[in-house]
Amino acid sequence: LPERERSELKRRKLLLEVTLKSFWIRKGSAFSTAVARPETELTPEMIATGSWRRLPFKPYNFSSLGLPPACGHLHPLLKVRSELRQIFLEMG
């Protein structure tokens, strides 16, 4: 349609413009139908057979903090020592 007619039809809400997008999907160089999970641990068997050289390993994250301890308690002797120290401090 010419631009003039198209703008007139849009103004009267008789025309709706739709944009269609399409993509081409191709197989890349690393395409595989099998899911390969990287190894997370190095075992003595891997070292003995030498299979660790050809296996992919998961990279280490040295900046992660890890999980905080679930619980923790003072040793009973440490509790007694801190109580005695507090008593002596109060006595002067």
N, C-alpha and C. Protein backbone atom coordinates (compact mmCIF):
# COMPACT_ATOMS: atom_id res chain seq x y z
N LEU A 1 0.83 -1.19 0.00
CA LEU A 1 0.00 0.00 0.00
C LEU A 1 0.88 1.25 0.00
N PRO A 2 0.41 2.28 -0.64
CA PRO A 2 1.14 3.56 -0.56
C PRO A 2 1.07 4.09 0.88
N GLU A 3 2.03 4.91 1.21
CA GLU A 3 2.14 5.43 2.58
C GLU A 3 0.90 6.22 2.99
N ARG A 4 0.34 6.97 2.09
CA ARG A 4 -0.83 7.81 2.41
C ARG A 4 -2.03 6.94 2.79
N GLU A 5 -2.30 5.90 1.98
CA GLU A 5 -3.43 5.01 2.28
C GLU A 5 -3.19 4.24 3.57
N ARG A 6 -1.96 3.81 3.77
CA ARG A 6 -1.64 3.05 4.97
C ARG A 6 -1.84 3.90 6.22
N SER A 7 -1.41 5.15 6.21
CA SER A 7 -1.60 6.01 7.37
C SER A 7 -3.09 6.29 7.61
N GLU A 8 -3.86 6.40 6.53
CA GLU A 8 -5.31 6.63 6.67
C GLU A 8 -5.99 5.41 7.29
N LEU A 9 -5.61 4.23 6.87
CA LEU A 9 -6.19 3.01 7.42
C LEU A 9 -5.77 2.82 8.88
N LYS A 10 -4.55 3.20 9.21
CA LYS A 10 -4.11 3.11 10.60
C LYS A 10 -4.90 4.05 11.48
N ARG A 11 -5.11 5.25 10.99
CA ARG A 11 -5.85 6.25 11.77
C ARG A 11 -7.28 5.78 12.03
N ARG A 12 -7.88 5.09 11.09
CA ARG A 12 -9.24 4.59 11.26
C ARG A 12 -9.26 3.23 11.95
N LYS A 13 -8.07 2.74 12.33
CA LYS A 13 -7.91 1.46 13.03
C LYS A 13 -8.46 0.29 12.22
N LEU A 14 -8.21 0.37 10.92
CA LEU A 14 -8.59 -0.72 10.03
C LEU A 14 -7.37 -1.53 9.59
N LEU A 15 -6.20 -1.06 9.98
CA LEU A 15 -4.97 -1.74 9.59
C LEU A 15 -4.12 -1.98 10.84
N LEU A 16 -3.59 -3.16 10.93
CA LEU A 16 -2.72 -3.51 12.04
C LEU A 16 -1.41 -4.03 11.46
N GLU A 17 -0.32 -3.37 11.77
CA GLU A 17 0.98 -3.80 11.28
C GLU A 17 1.60 -4.75 12.29
N VAL A 18 2.12 -5.86 11.77
CA VAL A 18 2.74 -6.88 12.60
C VAL A 18 4.15 -7.12 12.06
N THR A 19 5.11 -7.13 12.97
CA THR A 19 6.49 -7.40 12.59
C THR A 19 6.81 -8.85 12.92
N LEU A 20 7.27 -9.59 11.94
CA LEU A 20 7.63 -10.99 12.14
C LEU A 20 9.14 -11.10 12.14
N LYS A 21 9.67 -11.84 13.12
CA LYS A 21 11.10 -12.09 13.20
C LYS A 21 11.33 -13.57 13.02
N SER A 22 12.38 -13.91 12.31
CA SER A 22 12.72 -15.31 12.13
C SER A 22 14.20 -15.48 12.38
N PHE A 23 14.56 -16.69 12.79
CA PHE A 23 15.94 -17.02 13.10
C PHE A 23 16.32 -18.31 12.40
N TRP A 24 17.57 -18.40 12.00
CA TRP A 24 18.11 -19.62 11.44
C TRP A 24 18.93 -20.29 12.52
N ILE A 25 18.64 -21.53 12.78
CA ILE A 25 19.36 -22.28 13.81
C ILE A 25 20.16 -23.38 13.10
N ARG A 26 21.46 -23.37 13.38
CA ARG A 26 22.34 -24.37 12.78
C ARG A 26 23.12 -25.07 13.87
N LYS A 27 23.60 -26.24 13.56
CA LYS A 27 24.42 -26.99 14.50
C LYS A 27 25.81 -26.34 14.56
N GLY A 28 26.29 -26.09 15.78
CA GLY A 28 27.60 -25.51 15.95
C GLY A 28 28.69 -26.56 16.00
N SER A 29 29.91 -26.12 16.20
CA SER A 29 31.04 -27.05 16.21
C SER A 29 31.02 -27.95 17.43
N ALA A 30 30.40 -27.52 18.53
CA ALA A 30 30.36 -28.31 19.76
C ALA A 30 29.03 -29.05 19.92
N PHE A 31 28.27 -29.23 18.83
CA PHE A 31 26.97 -29.88 18.90
C PHE A 31 27.13 -31.35 19.24
N SER A 32 26.29 -31.83 20.15
CA SER A 32 26.29 -33.23 20.52
C SER A 32 24.90 -33.61 21.01
N THR A 33 24.49 -34.82 20.70
CA THR A 33 23.18 -35.27 21.17
C THR A 33 23.25 -35.83 22.58
N ALA A 34 24.44 -36.18 23.03
CA ALA A 34 24.61 -36.72 24.38
C ALA A 34 25.01 -35.59 25.33
N VAL A 35 24.49 -35.65 26.54
CA VAL A 35 24.82 -34.66 27.55
C VAL A 35 26.07 -35.13 28.29
N ALA A 36 27.13 -34.35 28.21
CA ALA A 36 28.39 -34.72 28.87
C ALA A 36 28.51 -33.92 30.16
N ARG A 37 28.53 -34.62 31.28
CA ARG A 37 28.68 -33.95 32.56
C ARG A 37 30.15 -33.96 32.94
N PRO A 38 30.70 -32.80 33.30
CA PRO A 38 32.12 -32.76 33.67
C PRO A 38 32.35 -33.46 35.01
N GLU A 39 33.53 -34.02 35.15
CA GLU A 39 33.90 -34.70 36.40
C GLU A 39 34.11 -33.67 37.49
N THR A 40 33.78 -34.04 38.72
CA THR A 40 33.96 -33.12 39.84
C THR A 40 35.04 -33.58 40.80
N GLU A 41 35.39 -34.86 40.76
CA GLU A 41 36.39 -35.39 41.68
C GLU A 41 37.43 -36.19 40.93
N LEU A 42 38.67 -36.11 41.41
CA LEU A 42 39.76 -36.90 40.88
C LEU A 42 39.96 -38.10 41.80
N THR A 43 39.78 -39.29 41.26
CA THR A 43 39.86 -40.51 42.07
C THR A 43 41.20 -41.20 41.85
N PRO A 44 41.60 -42.06 42.77
CA PRO A 44 42.85 -42.82 42.58
C PRO A 44 42.83 -43.71 41.34
N GLU A 45 41.64 -44.20 40.97
CA GLU A 45 41.54 -45.04 39.78
C GLU A 45 41.83 -44.23 38.53
N MET A 46 41.38 -42.98 38.49
CA MET A 46 41.65 -42.12 37.35
C MET A 46 43.14 -41.85 37.21
N ILE A 47 43.80 -41.65 38.34
CA ILE A 47 45.24 -41.40 38.31
C ILE A 47 45.99 -42.65 37.86
N ALA A 48 45.57 -43.82 38.35
CA ALA A 48 46.25 -45.08 38.01
C ALA A 48 46.11 -45.41 36.53
N THR A 49 44.92 -45.20 35.97
CA THR A 49 44.70 -45.54 34.57
C THR A 49 45.09 -44.42 33.62
N GLY A 50 45.23 -43.20 34.12
CA GLY A 50 45.55 -42.06 33.26
C GLY A 50 44.36 -41.50 32.52
N SER A 51 43.16 -41.91 32.90
CA SER A 51 41.95 -41.44 32.21
C SER A 51 41.62 -39.98 32.53
N TRP A 52 42.23 -39.43 33.57
CA TRP A 52 41.94 -38.04 33.95
C TRP A 52 42.43 -37.07 32.89
N ARG A 53 43.36 -37.48 32.03
CA ARG A 53 43.92 -36.58 31.02
C ARG A 53 42.89 -36.24 29.94
N ARG A 54 41.99 -37.16 29.62
CA ARG A 54 41.05 -36.93 28.53
C ARG A 54 39.65 -36.56 29.03
N LEU A 55 39.43 -36.51 30.35
CA LEU A 55 38.12 -36.17 30.89
C LEU A 55 38.00 -34.67 31.16
N PRO A 56 36.83 -34.09 30.87
CA PRO A 56 36.63 -32.67 31.23
C PRO A 56 36.28 -32.57 32.72
N PHE A 57 36.89 -31.60 33.39
CA PHE A 57 36.63 -31.38 34.81
C PHE A 57 35.90 -30.07 35.02
N LYS A 58 35.06 -30.06 36.01
CA LYS A 58 34.33 -28.84 36.38
C LYS A 58 35.33 -27.86 37.00
N PRO A 59 35.30 -26.58 36.58
CA PRO A 59 36.27 -25.62 37.14
C PRO A 59 35.98 -25.33 38.61
N TYR A 60 37.03 -25.06 39.35
CA TYR A 60 36.89 -24.74 40.77
C TYR A 60 36.54 -23.27 40.95
N ASN A 61 35.73 -22.99 41.95
CA ASN A 61 35.39 -21.61 42.29
C ASN A 61 36.03 -21.31 43.64
N PHE A 62 37.20 -20.68 43.60
CA PHE A 62 37.93 -20.41 44.83
C PHE A 62 37.37 -19.21 45.60
N SER A 63 36.51 -18.42 44.97
CA SER A 63 35.98 -17.25 45.67
C SER A 63 34.67 -17.53 46.40
N SER A 64 34.13 -18.74 46.28
CA SER A 64 32.89 -19.05 46.98
C SER A 64 33.17 -19.26 48.48
N LEU A 65 32.22 -18.88 49.29
CA LEU A 65 32.39 -18.94 50.74
C LEU A 65 31.97 -20.29 51.32
N GLY A 66 31.15 -21.03 50.63
CA GLY A 66 30.68 -22.30 51.16
C GLY A 66 29.51 -22.10 52.10
N LEU A 67 29.02 -23.20 52.62
CA LEU A 67 27.88 -23.16 53.53
C LEU A 67 28.35 -22.83 54.94
N PRO A 68 27.60 -22.00 55.66
CA PRO A 68 27.96 -21.76 57.06
C PRO A 68 27.68 -23.01 57.89
N PRO A 69 28.40 -23.21 58.98
CA PRO A 69 28.15 -24.39 59.81
C PRO A 69 26.72 -24.38 60.34
N ALA A 70 26.11 -25.55 60.35
CA ALA A 70 24.71 -25.66 60.77
C ALA A 70 24.56 -25.35 62.26
N CYS A 71 25.51 -25.77 63.07
CA CYS A 71 25.41 -25.51 64.50
C CYS A 71 26.81 -25.56 65.08
N GLY A 72 26.95 -25.12 66.28
CA GLY A 72 28.23 -25.17 66.96
C GLY A 72 28.04 -24.80 68.42
N HIS A 73 28.84 -25.40 69.29
CA HIS A 73 28.72 -25.15 70.72
C HIS A 73 30.10 -24.98 71.31
N LEU A 74 30.17 -24.25 72.39
CA LEU A 74 31.42 -24.12 73.12
C LEU A 74 31.69 -25.39 73.91
N HIS A 75 32.95 -25.68 74.05
CA HIS A 75 33.34 -26.84 74.86
C HIS A 75 32.99 -26.53 76.31
N PRO A 76 32.53 -27.51 77.09
CA PRO A 76 32.14 -27.25 78.48
C PRO A 76 33.25 -26.62 79.31
N LEU A 77 34.50 -27.01 79.09
CA LEU A 77 35.60 -26.41 79.85
C LEU A 77 35.80 -24.95 79.49
N LEU A 78 35.56 -24.61 78.24
CA LEU A 78 35.66 -23.20 77.85
C LEU A 78 34.56 -22.37 78.51
N LYS A 79 33.38 -22.97 78.65
CA LYS A 79 32.29 -22.26 79.33
C LYS A 79 32.66 -21.99 80.79
N VAL A 80 33.21 -23.00 81.47
CA VAL A 80 33.60 -22.84 82.88
C VAL A 80 34.69 -21.78 82.99
N ARG A 81 35.67 -21.83 82.09
CA ARG A 81 36.76 -20.86 82.14
C ARG A 81 36.26 -19.44 81.94
N SER A 82 35.32 -19.24 80.99
CA SER A 82 34.80 -17.89 80.77
C SER A 82 33.96 -17.42 81.96
N GLU A 83 33.22 -18.35 82.60
CA GLU A 83 32.45 -17.97 83.79
C GLU A 83 33.37 -17.58 84.94
N LEU A 84 34.45 -18.37 85.16
CA LEU A 84 35.40 -18.03 86.22
C LEU A 84 36.08 -16.70 85.93
N ARG A 85 36.44 -16.47 84.70
CA ARG A 85 37.06 -15.20 84.36
C ARG A 85 36.13 -14.04 84.63
N GLN A 86 34.84 -14.21 84.29
CA GLN A 86 33.87 -13.14 84.54
C GLN A 86 33.71 -12.91 86.05
N ILE A 87 33.70 -13.97 86.85
CA ILE A 87 33.59 -13.83 88.31
C ILE A 87 34.78 -13.06 88.87
N PHE A 88 36.00 -13.43 88.44
CA PHE A 88 37.19 -12.74 88.93
C PHE A 88 37.25 -11.29 88.48
N LEU A 89 36.76 -11.01 87.25
CA LEU A 89 36.73 -9.62 86.79
C LEU A 89 35.76 -8.79 87.63
N GLU A 90 34.62 -9.36 88.01
CA GLU A 90 33.66 -8.66 88.83
C GLU A 90 34.20 -8.42 90.24
N MET A 91 35.03 -9.36 90.72
CA MET A 91 35.62 -9.19 92.05
C MET A 91 36.76 -8.15 92.03
N GLY A 92 37.29 -7.91 90.88
CA GLY A 92 38.36 -6.91 90.78
C GLY A 92 39.68 -7.58 90.75
